[in-house]
PDB file of N, CA and C in Angstrom:
ATOM      1  N   UNK A   1       9.161 -14.744 -10.275  1.00  0.00           N
ATOM      2  CA  UNK A   1      10.218 -14.891  -9.301  1.00  0.00           C
ATOM      3  C   UNK A   1       9.684 -14.889  -7.863  1.00  0.00           C
ATOM      4  N   UNK A   2       8.363 -14.639  -7.692  1.00  0.00           N
ATOM      5  CA  UNK A   2       7.807 -14.647  -6.342  1.00  0.00           C
ATOM      6  C   UNK A   2       7.799 -16.064  -5.790  1.00  0.00           C
ATOM      7  N   UNK A   3       8.206 -16.165  -4.550  1.00  0.00           N
ATOM      8  CA  UNK A   3       8.123 -17.445  -3.848  1.00  0.00           C
ATOM      9  C   UNK A   3       6.739 -17.549  -3.208  1.00  0.00           C
ATOM     10  N   UNK A   4       6.321 -18.739  -2.797  1.00  0.00           N
ATOM     11  CA  UNK A   4       4.973 -18.895  -2.228  1.00  0.00           C
ATOM     12  C   UNK A   4       4.691 -17.982  -1.035  1.00  0.00           C
ATOM     13  N   UNK A   5       5.682 -17.627  -0.261  1.00  0.00           N
ATOM     14  CA  UNK A   5       5.463 -16.789   0.925  1.00  0.00           C
ATOM     15  C   UNK A   5       5.591 -15.295   0.630  1.00  0.00           C
ATOM     16  N   UNK A   6       5.875 -14.915  -0.608  1.00  0.00           N
ATOM     17  CA  UNK A   6       6.097 -13.516  -0.971  1.00  0.00           C
ATOM     18  C   UNK A   6       4.800 -12.793  -1.345  1.00  0.00           C
ATOM     19  N   UNK A   7       4.799 -11.501  -1.127  1.00  0.00           N
ATOM     20  CA  UNK A   7       3.735 -10.609  -1.578  1.00  0.00           C
ATOM     21  C   UNK A   7       4.405  -9.399  -2.217  1.00  0.00           C
ATOM     22  N   UNK A   8       3.729  -8.803  -3.171  1.00  0.00           N
ATOM     23  CA  UNK A   8       4.268  -7.626  -3.839  1.00  0.00           C
ATOM     24  C   UNK A   8       3.185  -6.550  -3.864  1.00  0.00           C
ATOM     25  N   UNK A   9       3.608  -5.303  -3.726  1.00  0.00           N
ATOM     26  CA  UNK A   9       2.684  -4.171  -3.741  1.00  0.00           C
ATOM     27  C   UNK A   9       3.030  -3.277  -4.927  1.00  0.00           C
ATOM     28  N   UNK A  10       2.025  -2.926  -5.696  1.00  0.00           N
ATOM     29  CA  UNK A  10       2.184  -2.001  -6.815  1.00  0.00           C
ATOM     30  C   UNK A  10       1.474  -0.708  -6.434  1.00  0.00           C
ATOM     31  N   UNK A  11       2.191   0.403  -6.570  1.00  0.00           N
ATOM     32  CA  UNK A  11       1.619   1.697  -6.223  1.00  0.00           C
ATOM     33  C   UNK A  11       2.359   2.792  -6.981  1.00  0.00           C
ATOM     34  N   UNK A  12       2.149   4.012  -6.597  1.00  0.00           N
ATOM     35  CA  UNK A  12       2.825   5.156  -7.200  1.00  0.00           C
ATOM     36  C   UNK A  12       3.275   6.077  -6.080  1.00  0.00           C
ATOM     37  N   UNK A  13       4.194   6.958  -6.367  1.00  0.00           N
ATOM     38  CA  UNK A  13       4.676   7.859  -5.324  1.00  0.00           C
ATOM     39  C   UNK A  13       3.880   9.154  -5.260  1.00  0.00           C
ATOM     40  N   UNK A  14       3.011   9.381  -6.223  1.00  0.00           N
ATOM     41  CA  UNK A  14       2.155  10.562  -6.194  1.00  0.00           C
ATOM     42  C   UNK A  14       1.026  10.375  -7.196  1.00  0.00           C
ATOM     43  N   UNK A  15       0.011  11.178  -7.032  1.00  0.00           N
ATOM     44  CA  UNK A  15      -1.092  11.156  -7.986  1.00  0.00           C
ATOM     45  C   UNK A  15      -1.108  12.431  -8.800  1.00  0.00           C
ATOM     46  N   UNK A  16      -1.607  12.329 -10.010  1.00  0.00           N
ATOM     47  CA  UNK A  16      -1.726  13.504 -10.869  1.00  0.00           C
ATOM     48  C   UNK A  16      -3.129  13.512 -11.455  1.00  0.00           C
ATOM     49  N   UNK A  17      -3.824  14.586 -11.222  1.00  0.00           N
ATOM     50  CA  UNK A  17      -5.160  14.769 -11.784  1.00  0.00           C
ATOM     51  C   UNK A  17      -5.024  14.874 -13.298  1.00  0.00           C
ATOM     52  N   UNK A  18      -5.665  13.988 -14.055  1.00  0.00           N
ATOM     53  CA  UNK A  18      -5.505  14.022 -15.511  1.00  0.00           C
ATOM     54  C   UNK A  18      -6.057  15.279 -16.161  1.00  0.00           C
ATOM     55  N   UNK A  19      -6.878  16.047 -15.459  1.00  0.00           N
ATOM     56  CA  UNK A  19      -7.404  17.285 -16.034  1.00  0.00           C
ATOM     57  C   UNK A  19      -6.514  18.484 -15.736  1.00  0.00           C
ATOM     58  N   UNK A  20      -5.487  18.303 -14.907  1.00  0.00           N
ATOM     59  CA  UNK A  20      -4.584  19.393 -14.541  1.00  0.00           C
ATOM     60  C   UNK A  20      -3.562  19.607 -15.645  1.00  0.00           C
ATOM     61  N   UNK A  21      -3.340  20.843 -16.023  1.00  0.00           N
ATOM     62  CA  UNK A  21      -2.321  21.154 -17.041  1.00  0.00           C
ATOM     63  C   UNK A  21      -0.994  21.383 -16.340  1.00  0.00           C
ATOM     64  N   UNK A  22      -0.023  20.549 -16.634  1.00  0.00           N
ATOM     65  CA  UNK A  22       1.283  20.678 -16.024  1.00  0.00           C
ATOM     66  C   UNK A  22       1.722  19.353 -15.426  1.00  0.00           C
ATOM     67  N   UNK A  23       2.881  19.389 -14.782  1.00  0.00           N
ATOM     68  CA  UNK A  23       3.451  18.153 -14.242  1.00  0.00           C
ATOM     69  C   UNK A  23       3.523  18.141 -12.723  1.00  0.00           C
ATOM     70  N   UNK A  24       2.978  19.152 -12.069  1.00  0.00           N
ATOM     71  CA  UNK A  24       3.001  19.192 -10.612  1.00  0.00           C
ATOM     72  C   UNK A  24       2.155  18.061 -10.033  1.00  0.00           C
ATOM     73  N   UNK A  25       2.557  17.577  -8.877  1.00  0.00           N
ATOM     74  CA  UNK A  25       1.760  16.589  -8.170  1.00  0.00           C
ATOM     75  C   UNK A  25       0.480  17.254  -7.694  1.00  0.00           C
ATOM     76  N   UNK A  26      -0.606  16.507  -7.743  1.00  0.00           N
ATOM     77  CA  UNK A  26      -1.889  17.059  -7.317  1.00  0.00           C
ATOM     78  C   UNK A  26      -2.426  16.258  -6.142  1.00  0.00           C
ATOM     79  N   UNK A  27      -3.626  16.535  -5.736  1.00  0.00           N
ATOM     80  CA  UNK A  27      -4.203  15.913  -4.551  1.00  0.00           C
ATOM     81  C   UNK A  27      -4.800  14.538  -4.806  1.00  0.00           C
ATOM     82  N   UNK A  28      -4.710  14.019  -6.016  1.00  0.00           N
ATOM     83  CA  UNK A  28      -5.305  12.729  -6.342  1.00  0.00           C
ATOM     84  C   UNK A  28      -4.691  11.602  -5.522  1.00  0.00           C
ATOM     85  N   UNK A  29      -5.496  10.618  -5.209  1.00  0.00           N
ATOM     86  CA  UNK A  29      -5.024   9.427  -4.489  1.00  0.00           C
ATOM     87  C   UNK A  29      -4.203   8.557  -5.431  1.00  0.00           C
ATOM     88  N   UNK A  30      -3.374   7.694  -4.876  1.00  0.00           N
ATOM     89  CA  UNK A  30      -2.580   6.777  -5.688  1.00  0.00           C
ATOM     90  C   UNK A  30      -3.188   5.382  -5.607  1.00  0.00           C
ATOM     91  N   UNK A  31      -3.027   4.580  -6.652  1.00  0.00           N
ATOM     92  CA  UNK A  31      -3.545   3.219  -6.620  1.00  0.00           C
ATOM     93  C   UNK A  31      -2.665   2.327  -5.745  1.00  0.00           C
ATOM     94  N   UNK A  32      -3.245   1.247  -5.258  1.00  0.00           N
ATOM     95  CA  UNK A  32      -2.492   0.261  -4.480  1.00  0.00           C
ATOM     96  C   UNK A  32      -3.051  -1.114  -4.803  1.00  0.00           C
ATOM     97  N   UNK A  33      -2.201  -1.994  -5.282  1.00  0.00           N
ATOM     98  CA  UNK A  33      -2.577  -3.359  -5.594  1.00  0.00           C
ATOM     99  C   UNK A  33      -1.626  -4.292  -4.857  1.00  0.00           C
ATOM    100  N   UNK A  34      -2.182  -5.213  -4.087  1.00  0.00           N
ATOM    101  CA  UNK A  34      -1.392  -6.211  -3.361  1.00  0.00           C
ATOM    102  C   UNK A  34      -1.604  -7.554  -4.040  1.00  0.00           C
ATOM    103  N   UNK A  35      -0.509  -8.285  -4.260  1.00  0.00           N
ATOM    104  CA  UNK A  35      -0.592  -9.563  -4.970  1.00  0.00           C
ATOM    105  C   UNK A  35       0.359 -10.564  -4.334  1.00  0.00           C
ATOM    106  N   UNK A  36      -0.023 -11.811  -4.332  1.00  0.00           N
ATOM    107  CA  UNK A  36       0.832 -12.893  -3.850  1.00  0.00           C
ATOM    108  C   UNK A  36      -0.001 -13.960  -3.163  1.00  0.00           C
ATOM    109  N   UNK A  37       0.555 -15.133  -3.032  1.00  0.00           N
ATOM    110  CA  UNK A  37      -0.164 -16.253  -2.431  1.00  0.00           C
ATOM    111  C   UNK A  37      -0.658 -15.970  -1.016  1.00  0.00           C
ATOM    112  N   UNK A  38       0.121 -15.293  -0.146  1.00  0.00           N
ATOM    113  CA  UNK A  38      -0.374 -15.061   1.210  1.00  0.00           C
ATOM    114  C   UNK A  38      -1.433 -13.958   1.322  1.00  0.00           C
ATOM    115  N   UNK A  39      -1.647 -13.184   0.271  1.00  0.00           N
ATOM    116  CA  UNK A  39      -2.586 -12.059   0.319  1.00  0.00           C
ATOM    117  C   UNK A  39      -4.022 -12.584   0.246  1.00  0.00           C
ATOM    118  N   UNK A  40      -4.832 -12.217   1.215  1.00  0.00           N
ATOM    119  CA  UNK A  40      -6.248 -12.604   1.227  1.00  0.00           C
ATOM    120  C   UNK A  40      -6.933 -11.970   0.017  1.00  0.00           C
ATOM    121  N   UNK A  41      -7.541 -12.776  -0.859  1.00  0.00           N
ATOM    122  CA  UNK A  41      -8.168 -12.222  -2.062  1.00  0.00           C
ATOM    123  C   UNK A  41      -9.454 -11.471  -1.753  1.00  0.00           C
ATOM    124  N   UNK A  42      -9.765 -10.515  -2.609  1.00  0.00           N
ATOM    125  CA  UNK A  42     -11.027  -9.802  -2.540  1.00  0.00           C
ATOM    126  C   UNK A  42     -11.129  -8.738  -1.479  1.00  0.00           C
ATOM    127  N   UNK A  43     -10.018  -8.352  -0.872  1.00  0.00           N
ATOM    128  CA  UNK A  43     -10.053  -7.334   0.173  1.00  0.00           C
ATOM    129  C   UNK A  43     -10.051  -5.945  -0.461  1.00  0.00           C
ATOM    130  N   UNK A  44     -11.012  -5.131  -0.088  1.00  0.00           N
ATOM    131  CA  UNK A  44     -11.065  -3.750  -0.535  1.00  0.00           C
ATOM    132  C   UNK A  44     -10.541  -2.888   0.605  1.00  0.00           C
ATOM    133  N   UNK A  45      -9.367  -2.328   0.434  1.00  0.00           N
ATOM    134  CA  UNK A  45      -8.762  -1.488   1.472  1.00  0.00           C
ATOM    135  C   UNK A  45      -9.360  -0.090   1.498  1.00  0.00           C
ATOM    136  N   UNK A  46     -10.201   0.209   0.545  1.00  0.00           N
ATOM    137  CA  UNK A  46     -10.828   1.520   0.497  1.00  0.00           C
ATOM    138  C   UNK A  46      -9.814   2.623   0.258  1.00  0.00           C
ATOM    139  N   UNK A  47     -10.195   3.826   0.604  1.00  0.00           N
ATOM    140  CA  UNK A  47      -9.289   4.969   0.511  1.00  0.00           C
ATOM    141  C   UNK A  47      -8.620   5.124   1.863  1.00  0.00           C
ATOM    142  N   UNK A  48      -7.326   4.932   1.886  1.00  0.00           N
ATOM    143  CA  UNK A  48      -6.572   5.027   3.140  1.00  0.00           C
ATOM    144  C   UNK A  48      -6.393   6.502   3.496  1.00  0.00           C
ATOM    145  N   UNK A  49      -6.311   6.815   4.788  1.00  0.00           N
ATOM    146  CA  UNK A  49      -6.142   8.215   5.178  1.00  0.00           C
ATOM    147  C   UNK A  49      -4.760   8.771   4.833  1.00  0.00           C
ATOM    148  N   UNK A  50      -3.765   7.887   4.677  1.00  0.00           N
ATOM    149  CA  UNK A  50      -2.412   8.363   4.382  1.00  0.00           C
ATOM    150  C   UNK A  50      -1.618   7.272   3.677  1.00  0.00           C
ATOM    151  N   UNK A  51      -0.714   7.708   2.809  1.00  0.00           N
ATOM    152  CA  UNK A  51       0.187   6.786   2.110  1.00  0.00           C
ATOM    153  C   UNK A  51       1.112   6.082   3.096  1.00  0.00           C
ATOM    154  N   UNK A  52       1.286   6.674   4.282  1.00  0.00           N
ATOM    155  CA  UNK A  52       2.133   6.087   5.322  1.00  0.00           C
ATOM    156  C   UNK A  52       1.599   4.741   5.799  1.00  0.00           C
ATOM    157  N   UNK A  53       0.320   4.449   5.524  1.00  0.00           N
ATOM    158  CA  UNK A  53      -0.239   3.147   5.902  1.00  0.00           C
ATOM    159  C   UNK A  53       0.517   2.008   5.231  1.00  0.00           C
ATOM    160  N   UNK A  54       0.946   2.205   3.992  1.00  0.00           N
ATOM    161  CA  UNK A  54       1.718   1.168   3.308  1.00  0.00           C
ATOM    162  C   UNK A  54       3.060   0.963   4.002  1.00  0.00           C
ATOM    163  N   UNK A  55       3.722   2.024   4.375  1.00  0.00           N
ATOM    164  CA  UNK A  55       4.992   1.918   5.094  1.00  0.00           C
ATOM    165  C   UNK A  55       4.826   1.185   6.414  1.00  0.00           C
ATOM    166  N   UNK A  56       3.779   1.520   7.138  1.00  0.00           N
ATOM    167  CA  UNK A  56       3.511   0.860   8.419  1.00  0.00           C
ATOM    168  C   UNK A  56       3.207  -0.629   8.216  1.00  0.00           C
ATOM    169  N   UNK A  57       2.508  -0.959   7.135  1.00  0.00           N
ATOM    170  CA  UNK A  57       2.208  -2.352   6.808  1.00  0.00           C
ATOM    171  C   UNK A  57       3.484  -3.128   6.514  1.00  0.00           C
ATOM    172  N   UNK A  58       4.360  -2.547   5.721  1.00  0.00           N
ATOM    173  CA  UNK A  58       5.623  -3.211   5.393  1.00  0.00           C
ATOM    174  C   UNK A  58       6.508  -3.346   6.629  1.00  0.00           C
ATOM    175  N   UNK A  59       6.516  -2.321   7.473  1.00  0.00           N
ATOM    176  CA  UNK A  59       7.305  -2.401   8.709  1.00  0.00           C
ATOM    177  C   UNK A  59       6.809  -3.549   9.584  1.00  0.00           C
ATOM    178  N   UNK A  60       5.513  -3.728   9.665  1.00  0.00           N
ATOM    179  CA  UNK A  60       4.968  -4.834  10.453  1.00  0.00           C
ATOM    180  C   UNK A  60       5.295  -6.175   9.803  1.00  0.00           C
ATOM    181  N   UNK A  61       5.137  -6.273   8.496  1.00  0.00           N
ATOM    182  CA  UNK A  61       5.407  -7.527   7.794  1.00  0.00           C
ATOM    183  C   UNK A  61       6.870  -7.948   7.920  1.00  0.00           C
ATOM    184  N   UNK A  62       7.779  -6.977   7.933  1.00  0.00           N
ATOM    185  CA  UNK A  62       9.204  -7.284   8.054  1.00  0.00           C
ATOM    186  C   UNK A  62       9.694  -7.233   9.499  1.00  0.00           C
ATOM    187  N   UNK A  63       8.772  -6.999  10.425  1.00  0.00           N
ATOM    188  CA  UNK A  63       9.085  -6.985  11.868  1.00  0.00           C
ATOM    189  C   UNK A  63      10.228  -6.034  12.205  1.00  0.00           C
ATOM    190  N   UNK A  64      10.142  -4.815  11.677  1.00  0.00           N
ATOM    191  CA  UNK A  64      11.176  -3.814  11.967  1.00  0.00           C
ATOM    192  C   UNK A  64      10.697  -2.778  12.972  1.00  0.00           C
ATOM    193  N   UNK A  65       9.568  -3.008  13.557  1.00  0.00           N
ATOM    194  CA  UNK A  65       9.065  -2.079  14.569  1.00  0.00           C
ATOM    195  C   UNK A  65       8.145  -1.050  13.971  1.00  0.00           C
ATOM    196  N   UNK A  66       7.339  -0.409  14.787  1.00  0.00           N
ATOM    197  CA  UNK A  66       6.398   0.581  14.270  1.00  0.00           C
ATOM    198  C   UNK A  66       7.096   1.855  13.804  1.00  0.00           C
ATOM    199  N   UNK A  67       6.501   2.474  12.805  1.00  0.00           N
ATOM    200  CA  UNK A  67       6.986   3.751  12.291  1.00  0.00           C
ATOM    201  C   UNK A  67       6.248   4.885  12.994  1.00  0.00           C
ATOM    202  N   UNK A  68       6.682   6.096  12.762  1.00  0.00           N
ATOM    203  CA  UNK A  68       6.088   7.256  13.422  1.00  0.00           C
ATOM    204  C   UNK A  68       4.692   7.588  12.898  1.00  0.00           C
ATOM    205  N   UNK A  69       4.381   7.168  11.667  1.00  0.00           N
ATOM    206  CA  UNK A  69       3.082   7.508  11.074  1.00  0.00           C
ATOM    207  C   UNK A  69       2.492   6.298  10.369  1.00  0.00           C
ATOM    208  N   UNK A  70       1.189   6.326  10.201  1.00  0.00           N
ATOM    209  CA  UNK A  70       0.499   5.290   9.441  1.00  0.00           C
ATOM    210  C   UNK A  70      -0.118   4.209  10.308  1.00  0.00           C
ATOM    211  N   UNK A  71      -1.094   3.508   9.719  1.00  0.00           N
ATOM    212  CA  UNK A  71      -1.768   2.393  10.360  1.00  0.00           C
ATOM    213  C   UNK A  71      -1.638   1.175   9.464  1.00  0.00           C
ATOM    214  N   UNK A  72      -1.113   0.108   9.987  1.00  0.00           N
ATOM    215  CA  UNK A  72      -0.897  -1.101   9.200  1.00  0.00           C
ATOM    216  C   UNK A  72      -2.216  -1.740   8.787  1.00  0.00           C
ATOM    217  N   UNK A  73      -2.253  -2.245   7.561  1.00  0.00           N
ATOM    218  CA  UNK A  73      -3.385  -3.034   7.096  1.00  0.00           C
ATOM    219  C   UNK A  73      -2.954  -4.476   6.825  1.00  0.00           C
ATOM    220  N   UNK A  74      -1.843  -4.903   7.438  1.00  0.00           N
ATOM    221  CA  UNK A  74      -1.322  -6.261   7.245  1.00  0.00           C
ATOM    222  C   UNK A  74      -2.331  -7.319   7.668  1.00  0.00           C
ATOM    223  N   UNK A  75      -3.051  -7.099   8.757  1.00  0.00           N
ATOM    224  CA  UNK A  75      -4.033  -8.084   9.226  1.00  0.00           C
ATOM    225  C   UNK A  75      -5.181  -8.237   8.224  1.00  0.00           C
ATOM    226  N   UNK A  76      -5.571  -7.146   7.596  1.00  0.00           N
ATOM    227  CA  UNK A  76      -6.661  -7.206   6.621  1.00  0.00           C
ATOM    228  C   UNK A  76      -6.290  -8.059   5.412  1.00  0.00           C
ATOM    229  N   UNK A  77      -5.000  -8.088   5.080  1.00  0.00           N
ATOM    230  CA  UNK A  77      -4.532  -8.869   3.931  1.00  0.00           C
ATOM    231  C   UNK A  77      -3.997 -10.237   4.323  1.00  0.00           C
ATOM    232  N   UNK A  78      -4.045 -10.565   5.624  1.00  0.00           N
ATOM    233  CA  UNK A  78      -3.552 -11.840   6.133  1.00  0.00           C
ATOM    234  C   UNK A  78      -2.025 -11.925   6.072  1.00  0.00           C
ATOM    235  N   UNK A  79      -1.344 -10.793   6.259  1.00  0.00           N
ATOM    236  CA  UNK A  79       0.115 -10.757   6.181  1.00  0.00           C
ATOM    237  C   UNK A  79       0.770 -10.705   7.549  1.00  0.00           C
ATOM    238  N   UNK A  80      -0.015 -10.632   8.605  1.00  0.00           N
ATOM    239  CA  UNK A  80       0.566 -10.566   9.950  1.00  0.00           C
ATOM    240  C   UNK A  80      -0.116 -11.545  10.862  1.00  0.00           C
TER     241      UNK A  80
END
């Protein structure tokens, strides 16, 4: 259902250390996969300092203004 100008991001809202016993959220990082025709292929975003970077990226892509936290990576993916 993606149109040529669309991009989609797959991620999680928290990470869980697989060695931890229980269901509490842990300090593990969450995965992030960007897909779509406008997304520059082969970009390694590395470990971002905060999950808020995704929010800031989406805010820039949708031109809704900057958010209070996060650094956009839209330019790295060719989305801005």
